[in-house]
Amino acid sequence: LTLGLVTVMTTGFYGIKHFDAEDAQVQETTQ
């Protein structure tokens, strides 16, 4: 999923260009 550059002043210190769904999973209760 491609996102626009997030500015330092609105969300913090990182410009997020994308996030990638890895095949990672975590357990939360039974889901």
PDB file of all heavy atoms in Angstrom:
ATOM      1  N   LEU A   1       0.853  -1.172   0.000  1.00  0.00           N
ATOM      2  CA  LEU A   1       0.000   0.000   0.000  1.00  0.00           C
ATOM      3  C   LEU A   1       0.892   1.225   0.000  1.00  0.00           C
ATOM      4  O   LEU A   1       1.726   1.384   0.874  1.00  0.00           O
ATOM      5  CB  LEU A   1      -0.896  -0.011   1.242  1.00  0.00           C
ATOM      6  CG  LEU A   1      -1.844   1.157   1.428  1.00  0.00           C
ATOM      7  CD1 LEU A   1      -2.838   1.213   0.276  1.00  0.00           C
ATOM      8  CD2 LEU A   1      -2.599   0.994   2.729  1.00  0.00           C
ATOM      9  N   THR A   2       0.754   2.057  -1.009  1.00  0.00           N
ATOM     10  CA  THR A   2       1.592   3.244  -1.102  1.00  0.00           C
ATOM     11  C   THR A   2       0.881   4.418  -0.454  1.00  0.00           C
ATOM     12  O   THR A   2      -0.272   4.687  -0.725  1.00  0.00           O
ATOM     13  CB  THR A   2       1.881   3.579  -2.577  1.00  0.00           C
ATOM     14  OG1 THR A   2       2.484   2.430  -3.175  1.00  0.00           O
ATOM     15  CG2 THR A   2       2.811   4.764  -2.686  1.00  0.00           C
ATOM     16  N   LEU A   3       1.603   5.067   0.426  1.00  0.00           N
ATOM     17  CA  LEU A   3       1.068   6.231   1.126  1.00  0.00           C
ATOM     18  C   LEU A   3       1.883   7.449   0.745  1.00  0.00           C
ATOM     19  O   LEU A   3       3.057   7.336   0.398  1.00  0.00           O
ATOM     20  CB  LEU A   3       1.177   6.026   2.642  1.00  0.00           C
ATOM     21  CG  LEU A   3       0.444   4.818   3.207  1.00  0.00           C
ATOM     22  CD1 LEU A   3       0.773   4.664   4.686  1.00  0.00           C
ATOM     23  CD2 LEU A   3      -1.035   4.987   3.026  1.00  0.00           C
ATOM     24  N   GLY A   4       1.311   8.589   0.853  1.00  0.00           N
ATOM     25  CA  GLY A   4       2.052   9.818   0.610  1.00  0.00           C
ATOM     26  C   GLY A   4       3.044  10.053   1.733  1.00  0.00           C
ATOM     27  O   GLY A   4       2.949   9.463   2.791  1.00  0.00           O
ATOM     28  N   LEU A   5       3.987  10.912   1.507  1.00  0.00           N
ATOM     29  CA  LEU A   5       4.976  11.238   2.519  1.00  0.00           C
ATOM     30  C   LEU A   5       4.288  11.940   3.672  1.00  0.00           C
ATOM     31  O   LEU A   5       3.558  12.898   3.493  1.00  0.00           O
ATOM     32  CB  LEU A   5       6.049  12.140   1.911  1.00  0.00           C
ATOM     33  CG  LEU A   5       7.230  12.475   2.795  1.00  0.00           C
ATOM     34  CD1 LEU A   5       7.995  11.183   3.107  1.00  0.00           C
ATOM     35  CD2 LEU A   5       8.137  13.453   2.091  1.00  0.00           C
ATOM     36  N   VAL A   6       4.514  11.446   4.872  1.00  0.00           N
ATOM     37  CA  VAL A   6       3.922  12.030   6.066  1.00  0.00           C
ATOM     38  C   VAL A   6       4.915  13.044   6.611  1.00  0.00           C
ATOM     39  O   VAL A   6       6.067  12.733   6.818  1.00  0.00           O
ATOM     40  CB  VAL A   6       3.643  10.937   7.122  1.00  0.00           C
ATOM     41  CG1 VAL A   6       3.010  11.543   8.364  1.00  0.00           C
ATOM     42  CG2 VAL A   6       2.721   9.885   6.535  1.00  0.00           C
ATOM     43  N   THR A   7       4.469  14.252   6.844  1.00  0.00           N
ATOM     44  CA  THR A   7       5.407  15.296   7.237  1.00  0.00           C
ATOM     45  C   THR A   7       5.844  15.162   8.684  1.00  0.00           C
ATOM     46  O   THR A   7       5.159  14.584   9.509  1.00  0.00           O
ATOM     47  CB  THR A   7       4.781  16.702   7.057  1.00  0.00           C
ATOM     48  OG1 THR A   7       3.710  16.816   7.982  1.00  0.00           O
ATOM     49  CG2 THR A   7       4.302  16.931   5.649  1.00  0.00           C
ATOM     50  N   VAL A   8       7.001  15.723   8.968  1.00  0.00           N
ATOM     51  CA  VAL A   8       7.569  15.684  10.314  1.00  0.00           C
ATOM     52  C   VAL A   8       6.654  16.383  11.303  1.00  0.00           C
ATOM     53  O   VAL A   8       6.479  15.936  12.422  1.00  0.00           O
ATOM     54  CB  VAL A   8       8.957  16.370  10.308  1.00  0.00           C
ATOM     55  CG1 VAL A   8       9.484  16.531  11.723  1.00  0.00           C
ATOM     56  CG2 VAL A   8       9.927  15.588   9.469  1.00  0.00           C
ATOM     57  N   MET A   9       6.039  17.455  10.898  1.00  0.00           N
ATOM     58  CA  MET A   9       5.257  18.246  11.844  1.00  0.00           C
ATOM     59  C   MET A   9       3.908  17.607  12.179  1.00  0.00           C
ATOM     60  O   MET A   9       3.358  17.877  13.221  1.00  0.00           O
ATOM     61  CB  MET A   9       5.035  19.667  11.299  1.00  0.00           C
ATOM     62  CG  MET A   9       6.339  20.424  11.115  1.00  0.00           C
ATOM     63  SD  MET A   9       7.434  20.381  12.562  1.00  0.00           S
ATOM     64  CE  MET A   9       6.507  21.410  13.676  1.00  0.00           C
ATOM     65  N   THR A  10       3.345  16.782  11.322  1.00  0.00           N
ATOM     66  CA  THR A  10       2.035  16.217  11.637  1.00  0.00           C
ATOM     67  C   THR A  10       2.099  14.889  12.351  1.00  0.00           C
ATOM     68  O   THR A  10       1.342  14.646  13.257  1.00  0.00           O
ATOM     69  CB  THR A  10       1.154  16.057  10.386  1.00  0.00           C
ATOM     70  OG1 THR A  10       1.814  15.210   9.469  1.00  0.00           O
ATOM     71  CG2 THR A  10       0.834  17.385   9.758  1.00  0.00           C
ATOM     72  N   THR A  11       3.008  14.006  11.943  1.00  0.00           N
ATOM     73  CA  THR A  11       2.999  12.704  12.590  1.00  0.00           C
ATOM     74  C   THR A  11       4.294  12.330  13.242  1.00  0.00           C
ATOM     75  O   THR A  11       4.360  11.302  13.880  1.00  0.00           O
ATOM     76  CB  THR A  11       2.619  11.592  11.594  1.00  0.00           C
ATOM     77  OG1 THR A  11       3.574  11.584  10.557  1.00  0.00           O
ATOM     78  CG2 THR A  11       1.244  11.762  11.059  1.00  0.00           C
ATOM     79  N   GLY A  12       5.320  13.092  13.091  1.00  0.00           N
ATOM     80  CA  GLY A  12       6.523  12.750  13.811  1.00  0.00           C
ATOM     81  C   GLY A  12       7.771  12.793  12.979  1.00  0.00           C
ATOM     82  O   GLY A  12       7.999  13.746  12.261  1.00  0.00           O
ATOM     83  N   PHE A  13       8.569  11.747  13.058  1.00  0.00           N
ATOM     84  CA  PHE A  13       9.930  11.784  12.590  1.00  0.00           C
ATOM     85  C   PHE A  13      10.190  10.957  11.354  1.00  0.00           C
ATOM     86  O   PHE A  13      11.271  10.980  10.827  1.00  0.00           O
ATOM     87  CB  PHE A  13      10.840  11.285  13.706  1.00  0.00           C
ATOM     88  CG  PHE A  13      10.656  12.103  14.938  1.00  0.00           C
ATOM     89  CD1 PHE A  13       9.755  11.733  15.908  1.00  0.00           C
ATOM     90  CD2 PHE A  13      11.351  13.277  15.100  1.00  0.00           C
ATOM     91  CE1 PHE A  13       9.578  12.508  17.026  1.00  0.00           C
ATOM     92  CE2 PHE A  13      11.183  14.058  16.216  1.00  0.00           C
ATOM     93  CZ  PHE A  13      10.290  13.674  17.181  1.00  0.00           C
ATOM     94  N   TYR A  14       9.222  10.205  10.911  1.00  0.00           N
ATOM     95  CA  TYR A  14       9.439   9.317   9.785  1.00  0.00           C
ATOM     96  C   TYR A  14       8.461   9.655   8.680  1.00  0.00           C
ATOM     97  O   TYR A  14       7.282   9.840   8.926  1.00  0.00           O
ATOM     98  CB  TYR A  14       9.219   7.857  10.192  1.00  0.00           C
ATOM     99  CG  TYR A  14      10.352   7.297  10.979  1.00  0.00           C
ATOM    100  CD1 TYR A  14      10.389   7.387  12.352  1.00  0.00           C
ATOM    101  CD2 TYR A  14      11.422   6.694  10.333  1.00  0.00           C
ATOM    102  CE1 TYR A  14      11.448   6.875  13.075  1.00  0.00           C
ATOM    103  CE2 TYR A  14      12.486   6.182  11.047  1.00  0.00           C
ATOM    104  CZ  TYR A  14      12.494   6.271  12.422  1.00  0.00           C
ATOM    105  OH  TYR A  14      13.547   5.769  13.121  1.00  0.00           O
ATOM    106  N   GLY A  15       8.964   9.757   7.460  1.00  0.00           N
ATOM    107  CA  GLY A  15       8.104   9.858   6.300  1.00  0.00           C
ATOM    108  C   GLY A  15       7.789   8.432   5.882  1.00  0.00           C
ATOM    109  O   GLY A  15       8.670   7.695   5.509  1.00  0.00           O
ATOM    110  N   ILE A  16       6.552   8.047   5.967  1.00  0.00           N
ATOM    111  CA  ILE A  16       6.199   6.668   5.656  1.00  0.00           C
ATOM    112  C   ILE A  16       5.851   6.589   4.186  1.00  0.00           C
ATOM    113  O   ILE A  16       4.902   7.196   3.736  1.00  0.00           O
ATOM    114  CB  ILE A  16       5.016   6.205   6.521  1.00  0.00           C
ATOM    115  CG1 ILE A  16       5.404   6.300   7.990  1.00  0.00           C
ATOM    116  CG2 ILE A  16       4.586   4.807   6.142  1.00  0.00           C
ATOM    117  CD1 ILE A  16       4.271   6.113   8.922  1.00  0.00           C
ATOM    118  N   LYS A  17       6.643   5.838   3.437  1.00  0.00           N
ATOM    119  CA  LYS A  17       6.397   5.713   2.012  1.00  0.00           C
ATOM    120  C   LYS A  17       5.505   4.525   1.697  1.00  0.00           C
ATOM    121  O   LYS A  17       4.767   4.558   0.753  1.00  0.00           O
ATOM    122  CB  LYS A  17       7.716   5.605   1.269  1.00  0.00           C
ATOM    123  CG  LYS A  17       8.506   6.899   1.336  1.00  0.00           C
ATOM    124  CD  LYS A  17       9.611   6.921   0.352  1.00  0.00           C
ATOM    125  CE  LYS A  17      10.246   8.291   0.379  1.00  0.00           C
ATOM    126  NZ  LYS A  17      11.255   8.441  -0.616  1.00  0.00           N
ATOM    127  N   HIS A  18       5.607   3.471   2.461  1.00  0.00           N
ATOM    128  CA  HIS A  18       4.745   2.320   2.244  1.00  0.00           C
ATOM    129  C   HIS A  18       4.781   1.423   3.470  1.00  0.00           C
ATOM    130  O   HIS A  18       5.637   1.558   4.302  1.00  0.00           O
ATOM    131  CB  HIS A  18       5.184   1.522   1.014  1.00  0.00           C
ATOM    132  CG  HIS A  18       6.475   0.787   1.213  1.00  0.00           C
ATOM    133  ND1 HIS A  18       7.689   1.401   1.019  1.00  0.00           N
ATOM    134  CD2 HIS A  18       6.740  -0.474   1.589  1.00  0.00           C
ATOM    135  CE1 HIS A  18       8.640   0.532   1.255  1.00  0.00           C
ATOM    136  NE2 HIS A  18       8.103  -0.613   1.612  1.00  0.00           N
ATOM    137  N   PHE A  19       3.797   0.568   3.557  1.00  0.00           N
ATOM    138  CA  PHE A  19       3.947  -0.522   4.492  1.00  0.00           C
ATOM    139  C   PHE A  19       3.600  -1.798   3.788  1.00  0.00           C
ATOM    140  O   PHE A  19       2.843  -1.842   2.848  1.00  0.00           O
ATOM    141  CB  PHE A  19       3.199  -0.319   5.814  1.00  0.00           C
ATOM    142  CG  PHE A  19       1.716  -0.182   5.761  1.00  0.00           C
ATOM    143  CD1 PHE A  19       0.893  -1.282   5.913  1.00  0.00           C
ATOM    144  CD2 PHE A  19       1.128   1.058   5.620  1.00  0.00           C
ATOM    145  CE1 PHE A  19      -0.477  -1.155   5.918  1.00  0.00           C
ATOM    146  CE2 PHE A  19      -0.244   1.193   5.626  1.00  0.00           C
ATOM    147  CZ  PHE A  19      -1.049   0.086   5.773  1.00  0.00           C
ATOM    148  N   ASP A  20       4.259  -2.836   4.205  1.00  0.00           N
ATOM    149  CA  ASP A  20       4.278  -4.087   3.490  1.00  0.00           C
ATOM    150  C   ASP A  20       3.749  -5.186   4.391  1.00  0.00           C
ATOM    151  O   ASP A  20       4.211  -5.350   5.503  1.00  0.00           O
ATOM    152  CB  ASP A  20       5.741  -4.363   3.130  1.00  0.00           C
ATOM    153  CG  ASP A  20       5.894  -5.355   2.008  1.00  0.00           C
ATOM    154  OD1 ASP A  20       4.880  -5.881   1.539  1.00  0.00           O
ATOM    155  OD2 ASP A  20       7.049  -5.591   1.617  1.00  0.00           O
ATOM    156  N   ALA A  21       2.766  -5.922   3.945  1.00  0.00           N
ATOM    157  CA  ALA A  21       2.208  -7.010   4.751  1.00  0.00           C
ATOM    158  C   ALA A  21       3.120  -8.212   4.639  1.00  0.00           C
ATOM    159  O   ALA A  21       3.214  -8.828   3.602  1.00  0.00           O
ATOM    160  CB  ALA A  21       0.814  -7.361   4.264  1.00  0.00           C
ATOM    161  N   GLU A  22       3.824  -8.496   5.702  1.00  0.00           N
ATOM    162  CA  GLU A  22       4.670  -9.680   5.740  1.00  0.00           C
ATOM    163  C   GLU A  22       3.780 -10.854   6.138  1.00  0.00           C
ATOM    164  O   GLU A  22       2.665 -10.684   6.601  1.00  0.00           O
ATOM    165  CB  GLU A  22       5.792  -9.480   6.769  1.00  0.00           C
ATOM    166  CG  GLU A  22       6.687  -8.282   6.491  1.00  0.00           C
ATOM    167  CD  GLU A  22       7.481  -8.406   5.206  1.00  0.00           C
ATOM    168  OE1 GLU A  22       7.758  -9.539   4.784  1.00  0.00           O
ATOM    169  OE2 GLU A  22       7.818  -7.368   4.633  1.00  0.00           O
ATOM    170  N   ASP A  23       4.247 -12.043   5.981  1.00  0.00           N
ATOM    171  CA  ASP A  23       3.479 -13.212   6.374  1.00  0.00           C
ATOM    172  C   ASP A  23       3.586 -13.462   7.868  1.00  0.00           C
ATOM    173  O   ASP A  23       3.582 -14.596   8.320  1.00  0.00           O
ATOM    174  CB  ASP A  23       3.940 -14.442   5.593  1.00  0.00           C
ATOM    175  CG  ASP A  23       3.503 -14.362   4.145  1.00  0.00           C
ATOM    176  OD1 ASP A  23       2.541 -13.628   3.848  1.00  0.00           O
ATOM    177  OD2 ASP A  23       4.126 -15.028   3.319  1.00  0.00           O
ATOM    178  N   ALA A  24       3.689 -12.395   8.634  1.00  0.00           N
ATOM    179  CA  ALA A  24       3.801 -12.502  10.085  1.00  0.00           C
ATOM    180  C   ALA A  24       2.414 -12.484  10.704  1.00  0.00           C
ATOM    181  O   ALA A  24       1.492 -11.874  10.186  1.00  0.00           O
ATOM    182  CB  ALA A  24       4.611 -11.331  10.620  1.00  0.00           C
ATOM    183  N   GLN A  25       2.287 -13.185  11.789  1.00  0.00           N
ATOM    184  CA  GLN A  25       1.031 -13.211  12.532  1.00  0.00           C
ATOM    185  C   GLN A  25       1.343 -13.116  14.007  1.00  0.00           C
ATOM    186  O   GLN A  25       2.380 -13.554  14.465  1.00  0.00           O
ATOM    187  CB  GLN A  25       0.267 -14.508  12.284  1.00  0.00           C
ATOM    188  CG  GLN A  25      -0.161 -14.710  10.869  1.00  0.00           C
ATOM    189  CD  GLN A  25      -0.910 -16.023  10.717  1.00  0.00           C
ATOM    190  OE1 GLN A  25      -1.013 -16.808  11.641  1.00  0.00           O
ATOM    191  NE2 GLN A  25      -1.428 -16.254   9.538  1.00  0.00           N
ATOM    192  N   VAL A  26       0.413 -12.535  14.746  1.00  0.00           N
ATOM    193  CA  VAL A  26       0.506 -12.558  16.195  1.00  0.00           C
ATOM    194  C   VAL A  26      -0.810 -13.109  16.710  1.00  0.00           C
ATOM    195  O   VAL A  26      -1.832 -13.030  16.034  1.00  0.00           O
ATOM    196  CB  VAL A  26       0.769 -11.160  16.807  1.00  0.00           C
ATOM    197  CG1 VAL A  26       2.115 -10.643  16.405  1.00  0.00           C
ATOM    198  CG2 VAL A  26      -0.309 -10.172  16.424  1.00  0.00           C
ATOM    199  N   GLN A  27      -0.791 -13.647  17.884  1.00  0.00           N
ATOM    200  CA  GLN A  27      -2.021 -14.171  18.477  1.00  0.00           C
ATOM    201  C   GLN A  27      -2.589 -13.127  19.427  1.00  0.00           C
ATOM    202  O   GLN A  27      -1.881 -12.582  20.262  1.00  0.00           O
ATOM    203  CB  GLN A  27      -1.730 -15.460  19.272  1.00  0.00           C
ATOM    204  CG  GLN A  27      -1.305 -16.604  18.409  1.00  0.00           C
ATOM    205  CD  GLN A  27      -2.450 -17.128  17.549  1.00  0.00           C
ATOM    206  OE1 GLN A  27      -3.611 -17.043  17.913  1.00  0.00           O
ATOM    207  NE2 GLN A  27      -2.096 -17.654  16.399  1.00  0.00           N
ATOM    208  N   GLU A  28      -3.847 -12.854  19.307  1.00  0.00           N
ATOM    209  CA  GLU A  28      -4.540 -12.009  20.269  1.00  0.00           C
ATOM    210  C   GLU A  28      -5.741 -12.817  20.719  1.00  0.00           C
ATOM    211  O   GLU A  28      -6.644 -13.060  19.922  1.00  0.00           O
ATOM    212  CB  GLU A  28      -4.975 -10.691  19.631  1.00  0.00           C
ATOM    213  CG  GLU A  28      -5.702  -9.797  20.614  1.00  0.00           C
ATOM    214  CD  GLU A  28      -6.088  -8.487  19.993  1.00  0.00           C
ATOM    215  OE1 GLU A  28      -5.223  -7.611  19.935  1.00  0.00           O
ATOM    216  OE2 GLU A  28      -7.249  -8.352  19.579  1.00  0.00           O
ATOM    217  N   THR A  29      -5.742 -13.251  21.926  1.00  0.00           N
ATOM    218  CA  THR A  29      -6.695 -14.229  22.457  1.00  0.00           C
ATOM    219  C   THR A  29      -6.733 -15.416  21.501  1.00  0.00           C
ATOM    220  O   THR A  29      -5.730 -16.050  21.289  1.00  0.00           O
ATOM    221  CB  THR A  29      -8.083 -13.599  22.732  1.00  0.00           C
ATOM    222  OG1 THR A  29      -8.638 -13.075  21.532  1.00  0.00           O
ATOM    223  CG2 THR A  29      -8.010 -12.509  23.762  1.00  0.00           C
ATOM    224  N   THR A  30      -7.864 -15.672  20.845  1.00  0.00           N
ATOM    225  CA  THR A  30      -7.921 -16.821  19.937  1.00  0.00           C
ATOM    226  C   THR A  30      -7.941 -16.409  18.478  1.00  0.00           C
ATOM    227  O   THR A  30      -8.024 -17.236  17.596  1.00  0.00           O
ATOM    228  CB  THR A  30      -9.188 -17.662  20.224  1.00  0.00           C
ATOM    229  OG1 THR A  30     -10.326 -16.831  20.035  1.00  0.00           O
ATOM    230  CG2 THR A  30      -9.159 -18.216  21.631  1.00  0.00           C
ATOM    231  N   GLN A  31      -7.844 -15.112  18.215  1.00  0.00           N
ATOM    232  CA  GLN A  31      -7.951 -14.607  16.841  1.00  0.00           C
ATOM    233  C   GLN A  31      -6.566 -14.284  16.287  1.00  0.00           C
ATOM    234  O   GLN A  31      -5.746 -13.659  16.954  1.00  0.00           O
ATOM    235  CB  GLN A  31      -8.820 -13.345  16.844  1.00  0.00           C
ATOM    236  CG  GLN A  31      -9.035 -12.755  15.489  1.00  0.00           C
ATOM    237  CD  GLN A  31      -9.836 -11.467  15.581  1.00  0.00           C
ATOM    238  OE1 GLN A  31     -10.059 -10.936  16.650  1.00  0.00           O
ATOM    239  NE2 GLN A  31     -10.265 -10.971  14.448  1.00  0.00           N
TER     240      GLN A  31
END
